[in-house]
Amino acid sequence: MDREGSHKYLAQQIMSASPAKLVAMLYERAITLLRETVEAIEAGDVGRRWRANGKATEVISHLWGTLDRDRGGEIAENLNRVYGFMMMRLTMVDVENDAQAAREVIELLEPLRRSWQELADGEPASARTENRSDMAAPTQVSLSA
């Protein structure tokens, strides 16, 4: 599939995804970018590391910024702390060229992605198109390379 076809396919996936699936997709994108960050560090490619880590930071920042702490209760408060920690570690990726910091963030993101994916997989089809306005903001983060 060519690049344009890939973008069209991704756009279709986003437009038809449930709010839970959108969140899972954002987690997946952050994980993919952080794996690229680790590969770039190991290859000594500072520019690639900087770009990938910057995009991962943007995704996590967006997730953090759209966190509903008023309605989310204890879970939202825990996520607030986790996102803050992630952002601190992602800063160290660039400051110290630290692959371990990126790996730590991946380890935190993977169970969150799995949980949101399980939630999305368990949703009835009608929930995938209802209340889309609640989660419209996450689609503003670029999921493309």
N, C-alpha and C. Protein backbone atom coordinates (compact mmCIF):
# COMPACT_ATOMS: atom_id res chain seq x y z
N MET A 1 0.85 -1.18 0.00
CA MET A 1 0.00 0.00 0.00
C MET A 1 0.89 1.23 0.00
N ASP A 2 0.60 2.20 -0.88
CA ASP A 2 1.41 3.41 -0.93
C ASP A 2 1.11 4.31 0.26
N ARG A 3 1.91 5.35 0.43
CA ARG A 3 1.79 6.25 1.58
C ARG A 3 0.42 6.92 1.63
N GLU A 4 -0.08 7.37 0.48
CA GLU A 4 -1.39 8.02 0.45
C GLU A 4 -2.48 7.03 0.85
N GLY A 5 -2.39 5.80 0.35
CA GLY A 5 -3.35 4.77 0.72
C GLY A 5 -3.29 4.45 2.20
N SER A 6 -2.09 4.46 2.76
CA SER A 6 -1.91 4.21 4.19
C SER A 6 -2.59 5.29 5.01
N HIS A 7 -2.43 6.54 4.60
CA HIS A 7 -3.05 7.65 5.32
C HIS A 7 -4.57 7.59 5.24
N LYS A 8 -5.08 7.22 4.07
CA LYS A 8 -6.54 7.10 3.92
C LYS A 8 -7.07 5.98 4.81
N TYR A 9 -6.35 4.86 4.85
CA TYR A 9 -6.76 3.73 5.69
C TYR A 9 -6.75 4.14 7.17
N LEU A 10 -5.69 4.82 7.58
CA LEU A 10 -5.59 5.27 8.96
C LEU A 10 -6.71 6.25 9.29
N ALA A 11 -6.99 7.17 8.39
CA ALA A 11 -8.07 8.13 8.61
C ALA A 11 -9.40 7.41 8.77
N GLN A 12 -9.64 6.38 7.96
CA GLN A 12 -10.88 5.60 8.08
C GLN A 12 -10.94 4.88 9.44
N GLN A 13 -9.82 4.33 9.87
CA GLN A 13 -9.79 3.66 11.18
C GLN A 13 -10.13 4.63 12.29
N ILE A 14 -9.58 5.83 12.22
CA ILE A 14 -9.83 6.83 13.26
C ILE A 14 -11.29 7.26 13.25
N MET A 15 -11.83 7.51 12.07
CA MET A 15 -13.21 7.99 11.98
C MET A 15 -14.23 6.96 12.44
N SER A 16 -13.89 5.69 12.32
CA SER A 16 -14.84 4.65 12.72
C SER A 16 -14.56 4.08 14.10
N ALA A 17 -13.53 4.57 14.77
CA ALA A 17 -13.13 4.01 16.06
C ALA A 17 -13.98 4.57 17.20
N SER A 18 -14.17 3.73 18.20
CA SER A 18 -14.85 4.17 19.43
C SER A 18 -13.89 5.04 20.23
N PRO A 19 -14.41 5.80 21.19
CA PRO A 19 -13.52 6.59 22.05
C PRO A 19 -12.45 5.72 22.72
N ALA A 20 -12.81 4.55 23.21
CA ALA A 20 -11.83 3.67 23.85
C ALA A 20 -10.77 3.22 22.84
N LYS A 21 -11.18 2.93 21.63
CA LYS A 21 -10.23 2.51 20.60
C LYS A 21 -9.28 3.65 20.24
N LEU A 22 -9.79 4.88 20.19
CA LEU A 22 -8.93 6.02 19.92
C LEU A 22 -7.84 6.16 20.98
N VAL A 23 -8.20 5.98 22.23
CA VAL A 23 -7.22 6.07 23.30
C VAL A 23 -6.20 4.94 23.16
N ALA A 24 -6.66 3.73 22.87
CA ALA A 24 -5.75 2.60 22.66
C ALA A 24 -4.81 2.89 21.50
N MET A 25 -5.31 3.50 20.45
CA MET A 25 -4.47 3.84 19.29
C MET A 25 -3.41 4.86 19.67
N LEU A 26 -3.76 5.81 20.52
CA LEU A 26 -2.78 6.80 20.96
C LEU A 26 -1.68 6.13 21.79
N TYR A 27 -2.07 5.24 22.68
CA TYR A 27 -1.06 4.50 23.45
C TYR A 27 -0.16 3.69 22.51
N GLU A 28 -0.76 3.04 21.54
CA GLU A 28 0.02 2.24 20.59
C GLU A 28 1.01 3.12 19.82
N ARG A 29 0.55 4.29 19.41
CA ARG A 29 1.42 5.21 18.68
C ARG A 29 2.59 5.66 19.55
N ALA A 30 2.32 5.99 20.80
CA ALA A 30 3.39 6.41 21.70
C ALA A 30 4.41 5.29 21.90
N ILE A 31 3.93 4.07 22.06
CA ILE A 31 4.82 2.92 22.23
C ILE A 31 5.69 2.73 20.99
N THR A 32 5.08 2.80 19.82
CA THR A 32 5.82 2.65 18.56
C THR A 32 6.90 3.73 18.44
N LEU A 33 6.54 4.95 18.76
CA LEU A 33 7.51 6.05 18.68
C LEU A 33 8.64 5.88 19.68
N LEU A 34 8.33 5.38 20.86
CA LEU A 34 9.38 5.19 21.86
C LEU A 34 10.29 4.02 21.50
N ARG A 35 9.75 3.01 20.85
CA ARG A 35 10.61 1.93 20.35
C ARG A 35 11.56 2.47 19.28
N GLU A 36 11.03 3.36 18.43
CA GLU A 36 11.88 4.01 17.43
C GLU A 36 12.94 4.87 18.11
N THR A 37 12.56 5.52 19.20
CA THR A 37 13.51 6.33 19.96
C THR A 37 14.67 5.48 20.48
N VAL A 38 14.35 4.32 21.05
CA VAL A 38 15.38 3.41 21.56
C VAL A 38 16.29 2.95 20.42
N GLU A 39 15.69 2.56 19.30
CA GLU A 39 16.48 2.13 18.14
C GLU A 39 17.42 3.24 17.68
N ALA A 40 16.93 4.47 17.66
CA ALA A 40 17.75 5.60 17.22
C ALA A 40 18.91 5.84 18.18
N ILE A 41 18.66 5.73 19.47
CA ILE A 41 19.73 5.90 20.45
C ILE A 41 20.80 4.82 20.23
N GLU A 42 20.34 3.60 20.06
CA GLU A 42 21.28 2.49 19.86
C GLU A 42 22.07 2.64 18.57
N ALA A 43 21.48 3.29 17.57
CA ALA A 43 22.16 3.52 16.29
C ALA A 43 22.99 4.81 16.28
N GLY A 44 22.87 5.58 17.35
CA GLY A 44 23.60 6.84 17.42
C GLY A 44 23.01 7.94 16.55
N ASP A 45 21.74 7.82 16.22
CA ASP A 45 21.06 8.79 15.35
C ASP A 45 20.29 9.80 16.22
N VAL A 46 20.97 10.88 16.59
CA VAL A 46 20.40 11.87 17.51
C VAL A 46 19.17 12.55 16.91
N GLY A 47 19.21 12.89 15.62
CA GLY A 47 18.08 13.56 14.98
C GLY A 47 16.83 12.70 14.99
N ARG A 48 16.99 11.45 14.65
CA ARG A 48 15.84 10.52 14.65
C ARG A 48 15.31 10.33 16.07
N ARG A 49 16.21 10.21 17.03
CA ARG A 49 15.79 10.09 18.43
C ARG A 49 14.99 11.30 18.85
N TRP A 50 15.48 12.47 18.50
CA TRP A 50 14.83 13.70 18.91
C TRP A 50 13.42 13.80 18.30
N ARG A 51 13.30 13.47 17.01
CA ARG A 51 11.98 13.53 16.35
C ARG A 51 11.00 12.52 16.95
N ALA A 52 11.44 11.28 17.10
CA ALA A 52 10.54 10.23 17.61
C ALA A 52 10.14 10.52 19.06
N ASN A 53 11.10 10.92 19.87
CA ASN A 53 10.78 11.21 21.27
C ASN A 53 9.87 12.44 21.37
N GLY A 54 10.09 13.42 20.51
CA GLY A 54 9.22 14.60 20.51
C GLY A 54 7.78 14.25 20.16
N LYS A 55 7.60 13.38 19.18
CA LYS A 55 6.24 12.95 18.81
C LYS A 55 5.61 12.13 19.93
N ALA A 56 6.39 11.25 20.56
CA ALA A 56 5.86 10.46 21.69
C ALA A 56 5.46 11.39 22.83
N THR A 57 6.28 12.39 23.08
CA THR A 57 5.98 13.37 24.14
C THR A 57 4.69 14.11 23.81
N GLU A 58 4.49 14.43 22.54
CA GLU A 58 3.27 15.12 22.12
C GLU A 58 2.04 14.25 22.38
N VAL A 59 2.13 12.97 22.06
CA VAL A 59 1.00 12.06 22.28
C VAL A 59 0.68 11.96 23.77
N ILE A 60 1.69 11.75 24.58
CA ILE A 60 1.45 11.59 26.02
C ILE A 60 0.97 12.90 26.63
N SER A 61 1.51 14.01 26.18
CA SER A 61 1.05 15.32 26.63
C SER A 61 -0.43 15.51 26.30
N HIS A 62 -0.81 15.07 25.13
CA HIS A 62 -2.22 15.19 24.73
C HIS A 62 -3.11 14.31 25.62
N LEU A 63 -2.69 13.07 25.84
CA LEU A 63 -3.45 12.20 26.73
C LEU A 63 -3.59 12.83 28.12
N TRP A 64 -2.51 13.40 28.61
CA TRP A 64 -2.50 14.04 29.92
C TRP A 64 -3.43 15.24 29.92
N GLY A 65 -3.36 16.04 28.87
CA GLY A 65 -4.18 17.24 28.78
C GLY A 65 -5.67 16.99 28.63
N THR A 66 -6.04 15.82 28.11
CA THR A 66 -7.46 15.52 27.94
C THR A 66 -8.01 14.66 29.08
N LEU A 67 -7.20 14.41 30.07
CA LEU A 67 -7.62 13.63 31.23
C LEU A 67 -8.72 14.38 31.99
N ASP A 68 -9.84 13.73 32.22
CA ASP A 68 -10.97 14.34 32.92
C ASP A 68 -10.85 14.02 34.42
N ARG A 69 -10.16 14.90 35.13
CA ARG A 69 -9.91 14.66 36.55
C ARG A 69 -11.16 14.91 37.39
N ASP A 70 -12.12 15.66 36.88
CA ASP A 70 -13.35 15.90 37.63
C ASP A 70 -14.21 14.65 37.70
N ARG A 71 -14.33 13.94 36.60
CA ARG A 71 -15.17 12.75 36.55
C ARG A 71 -14.39 11.45 36.73
N GLY A 72 -13.07 11.51 36.59
CA GLY A 72 -12.26 10.30 36.59
C GLY A 72 -11.89 9.74 37.94
N GLY A 73 -12.10 10.50 39.00
CA GLY A 73 -11.84 10.00 40.34
C GLY A 73 -10.40 9.56 40.56
N GLU A 74 -10.26 8.48 41.31
CA GLU A 74 -8.94 7.97 41.69
C GLU A 74 -8.12 7.52 40.48
N ILE A 75 -8.79 6.92 39.50
CA ILE A 75 -8.08 6.47 38.30
C ILE A 75 -7.45 7.66 37.59
N ALA A 76 -8.21 8.74 37.44
CA ALA A 76 -7.68 9.93 36.78
C ALA A 76 -6.52 10.53 37.57
N GLU A 77 -6.64 10.53 38.88
CA GLU A 77 -5.54 11.05 39.70
C GLU A 77 -4.28 10.21 39.54
N ASN A 78 -4.45 8.89 39.50
CA ASN A 78 -3.31 8.01 39.28
C ASN A 78 -2.69 8.24 37.91
N LEU A 79 -3.53 8.36 36.89
CA LEU A 79 -3.02 8.62 35.54
C LEU A 79 -2.31 9.98 35.49
N ASN A 80 -2.83 10.95 36.19
CA ASN A 80 -2.21 12.26 36.24
C ASN A 80 -0.77 12.14 36.75
N ARG A 81 -0.58 11.38 37.81
CA ARG A 81 0.77 11.18 38.35
C ARG A 81 1.66 10.39 37.38
N VAL A 82 1.08 9.36 36.77
CA VAL A 82 1.85 8.53 35.83
C VAL A 82 2.27 9.36 34.62
N TYR A 83 1.36 10.15 34.06
CA TYR A 83 1.70 10.98 32.91
C TYR A 83 2.79 11.99 33.29
N GLY A 84 2.70 12.57 34.47
CA GLY A 84 3.73 13.51 34.93
C GLY A 84 5.10 12.83 35.00
N PHE A 85 5.12 11.61 35.54
CA PHE A 85 6.36 10.85 35.61
C PHE A 85 6.89 10.54 34.21
N MET A 86 5.99 10.13 33.31
CA MET A 86 6.40 9.83 31.94
C MET A 86 7.04 11.05 31.29
N MET A 87 6.44 12.20 31.46
CA MET A 87 6.96 13.41 30.84
C MET A 87 8.36 13.73 31.39
N MET A 88 8.56 13.51 32.67
CA MET A 88 9.87 13.73 33.26
C MET A 88 10.90 12.77 32.66
N ARG A 89 10.53 11.51 32.51
CA ARG A 89 11.45 10.52 31.94
C ARG A 89 11.73 10.81 30.47
N LEU A 90 10.73 11.27 29.72
CA LEU A 90 10.94 11.58 28.30
C LEU A 90 11.88 12.77 28.13
N THR A 91 11.88 13.68 29.08
CA THR A 91 12.85 14.77 29.06
C THR A 91 14.26 14.21 29.19
N MET A 92 14.43 13.21 30.04
CA MET A 92 15.75 12.60 30.24
C MET A 92 16.23 11.85 29.00
N VAL A 93 15.29 11.37 28.20
CA VAL A 93 15.68 10.71 26.96
C VAL A 93 16.53 11.66 26.13
N ASP A 94 16.08 12.89 25.99
CA ASP A 94 16.81 13.86 25.17
C ASP A 94 17.99 14.47 25.92
N VAL A 95 17.82 14.77 27.18
CA VAL A 95 18.90 15.43 27.93
C VAL A 95 20.10 14.51 28.08
N GLU A 96 19.85 13.24 28.36
CA GLU A 96 20.95 12.30 28.62
C GLU A 96 21.10 11.21 27.56
N ASN A 97 20.31 11.32 26.47
CA ASN A 97 20.34 10.29 25.42
C ASN A 97 20.11 8.91 26.06
N ASP A 98 19.08 8.84 26.91
CA ASP A 98 18.85 7.71 27.81
C ASP A 98 17.77 6.75 27.27
N ALA A 99 18.21 5.65 26.69
CA ALA A 99 17.27 4.65 26.17
C ALA A 99 16.49 3.99 27.30
N GLN A 100 17.10 3.84 28.47
CA GLN A 100 16.41 3.20 29.59
C GLN A 100 15.18 4.01 30.01
N ALA A 101 15.27 5.32 29.97
CA ALA A 101 14.12 6.16 30.31
C ALA A 101 12.96 5.89 29.34
N ALA A 102 13.27 5.76 28.06
CA ALA A 102 12.23 5.45 27.07
C ALA A 102 11.64 4.07 27.33
N ARG A 103 12.50 3.10 27.67
CA ARG A 103 12.00 1.75 27.98
C ARG A 103 11.07 1.76 29.18
N GLU A 104 11.39 2.56 30.19
CA GLU A 104 10.54 2.66 31.38
C GLU A 104 9.15 3.19 31.01
N VAL A 105 9.11 4.17 30.14
CA VAL A 105 7.82 4.72 29.72
C VAL A 105 7.04 3.68 28.92
N ILE A 106 7.72 2.95 28.06
CA ILE A 106 7.06 1.87 27.30
C ILE A 106 6.43 0.87 28.28
N GLU A 107 7.17 0.50 29.31
CA GLU A 107 6.66 -0.46 30.30
C GLU A 107 5.41 0.06 31.01
N LEU A 108 5.32 1.35 31.19
CA LEU A 108 4.13 1.95 31.80
C LEU A 108 2.97 2.03 30.81
N LEU A 109 3.30 2.27 29.55
CA LEU A 109 2.25 2.43 28.53
C LEU A 109 1.61 1.11 28.11
N GLU A 110 2.38 0.04 28.08
CA GLU A 110 1.85 -1.23 27.55
C GLU A 110 0.62 -1.74 28.30
N PRO A 111 0.62 -1.79 29.63
CA PRO A 111 -0.61 -2.26 30.28
C PRO A 111 -1.79 -1.31 30.09
N LEU A 112 -1.52 -0.01 29.97
CA LEU A 112 -2.59 0.94 29.71
C LEU A 112 -3.19 0.70 28.33
N ARG A 113 -2.32 0.48 27.35
CA ARG A 113 -2.81 0.19 25.99
C ARG A 113 -3.64 -1.08 25.98
N ARG A 114 -3.14 -2.13 26.64
CA ARG A 114 -3.90 -3.39 26.69
C ARG A 114 -5.27 -3.20 27.33
N SER A 115 -5.32 -2.44 28.42
CA SER A 115 -6.60 -2.21 29.10
C SER A 115 -7.59 -1.48 28.21
N TRP A 116 -7.13 -0.43 27.54
CA TRP A 116 -8.02 0.31 26.66
C TRP A 116 -8.42 -0.52 25.45
N GLN A 117 -7.51 -1.35 24.95
CA GLN A 117 -7.84 -2.22 23.82
C GLN A 117 -8.89 -3.24 24.23
N GLU A 118 -8.73 -3.82 25.42
CA GLU A 118 -9.73 -4.78 25.92
C GLU A 118 -11.08 -4.10 26.09
N LEU A 119 -11.08 -2.88 26.59
CA LEU A 119 -12.32 -2.13 26.73
C LEU A 119 -12.96 -1.90 25.36
N ALA A 120 -12.15 -1.49 24.40
CA ALA A 120 -12.66 -1.24 23.04
C ALA A 120 -13.19 -2.52 22.41
N ASP A 121 -12.49 -3.63 22.61
CA ASP A 121 -12.92 -4.91 22.03
C ASP A 121 -14.22 -5.40 22.63
N GLY A 122 -14.50 -5.00 23.87
CA GLY A 122 -15.72 -5.45 24.54
C GLY A 122 -16.92 -4.55 24.34
N GLU A 123 -16.74 -3.43 23.66
CA GLU A 123 -17.84 -2.50 23.44
C GLU A 123 -18.79 -3.00 22.37
N PRO A 124 -20.09 -2.79 22.58
CA PRO A 124 -21.03 -3.11 21.50
C PRO A 124 -20.81 -2.15 20.33
N ALA A 125 -21.19 -2.56 19.16
CA ALA A 125 -20.98 -1.77 17.94
C ALA A 125 -21.60 -0.37 18.05
N SER A 126 -22.74 -0.24 18.71
CA SER A 126 -23.39 1.06 18.83
C SER A 126 -22.55 2.05 19.63
N ALA A 127 -21.75 1.56 20.58
CA ALA A 127 -20.91 2.45 21.39
C ALA A 127 -19.77 3.02 20.58
N ARG A 128 -19.46 2.42 19.46
CA ARG A 128 -18.33 2.89 18.65
C ARG A 128 -18.64 4.19 17.94
N THR A 129 -19.90 4.49 17.76
CA THR A 129 -20.25 5.73 17.06
C THR A 129 -20.97 6.72 17.96
N GLU A 130 -21.43 6.30 19.12
CA GLU A 130 -22.10 7.20 20.05
C GLU A 130 -21.08 7.98 20.85
N ASN A 131 -21.47 9.18 21.28
CA ASN A 131 -20.65 10.01 22.15
C ASN A 131 -19.25 10.27 21.60
N ARG A 132 -19.12 10.38 20.31
CA ARG A 132 -17.83 10.65 19.71
C ARG A 132 -17.29 12.01 20.16
N SER A 133 -18.15 12.94 20.49
CA SER A 133 -17.68 14.27 20.88
C SER A 133 -16.89 14.21 22.19
N ASP A 134 -17.14 13.20 23.03
CA ASP A 134 -16.40 13.08 24.29
C ASP A 134 -14.92 12.86 24.06
N MET A 135 -14.56 12.22 22.96
CA MET A 135 -13.17 11.86 22.74
C MET A 135 -12.62 12.46 21.44
N ALA A 136 -13.25 13.48 20.91
CA ALA A 136 -12.80 14.03 19.64
C ALA A 136 -11.39 14.57 19.71
N ALA A 137 -10.97 15.11 20.84
CA ALA A 137 -9.66 15.73 20.94
C ALA A 137 -8.50 14.80 20.63
N PRO A 138 -8.50 13.53 21.08
CA PRO A 138 -7.33 12.70 20.79
C PRO A 138 -7.02 12.54 19.31
N THR A 139 -7.99 12.67 18.44
CA THR A 139 -7.70 12.50 17.02
C THR A 139 -6.90 13.66 16.47
N GLN A 140 -6.75 14.73 17.23
CA GLN A 140 -5.99 15.88 16.76
C GLN A 140 -4.49 15.60 16.79
N VAL A 141 -4.07 14.59 17.52
CA VAL A 141 -2.66 14.23 17.55
C VAL A 141 -2.37 13.38 16.32
N SER A 142 -1.31 13.70 15.62
CA SER A 142 -0.96 12.98 14.40
C SER A 142 -0.52 11.56 14.72
N LEU A 143 -1.19 10.59 14.12
CA LEU A 143 -0.81 9.21 14.30
C LEU A 143 0.11 8.75 13.17
N SER A 144 0.34 9.61 12.21
CA SER A 144 1.20 9.23 11.08
C SER A 144 2.66 9.45 11.43
N ALA A 145 3.50 8.85 10.62
CA ALA A 145 4.95 8.93 10.87
C ALA A 145 5.50 10.31 10.65
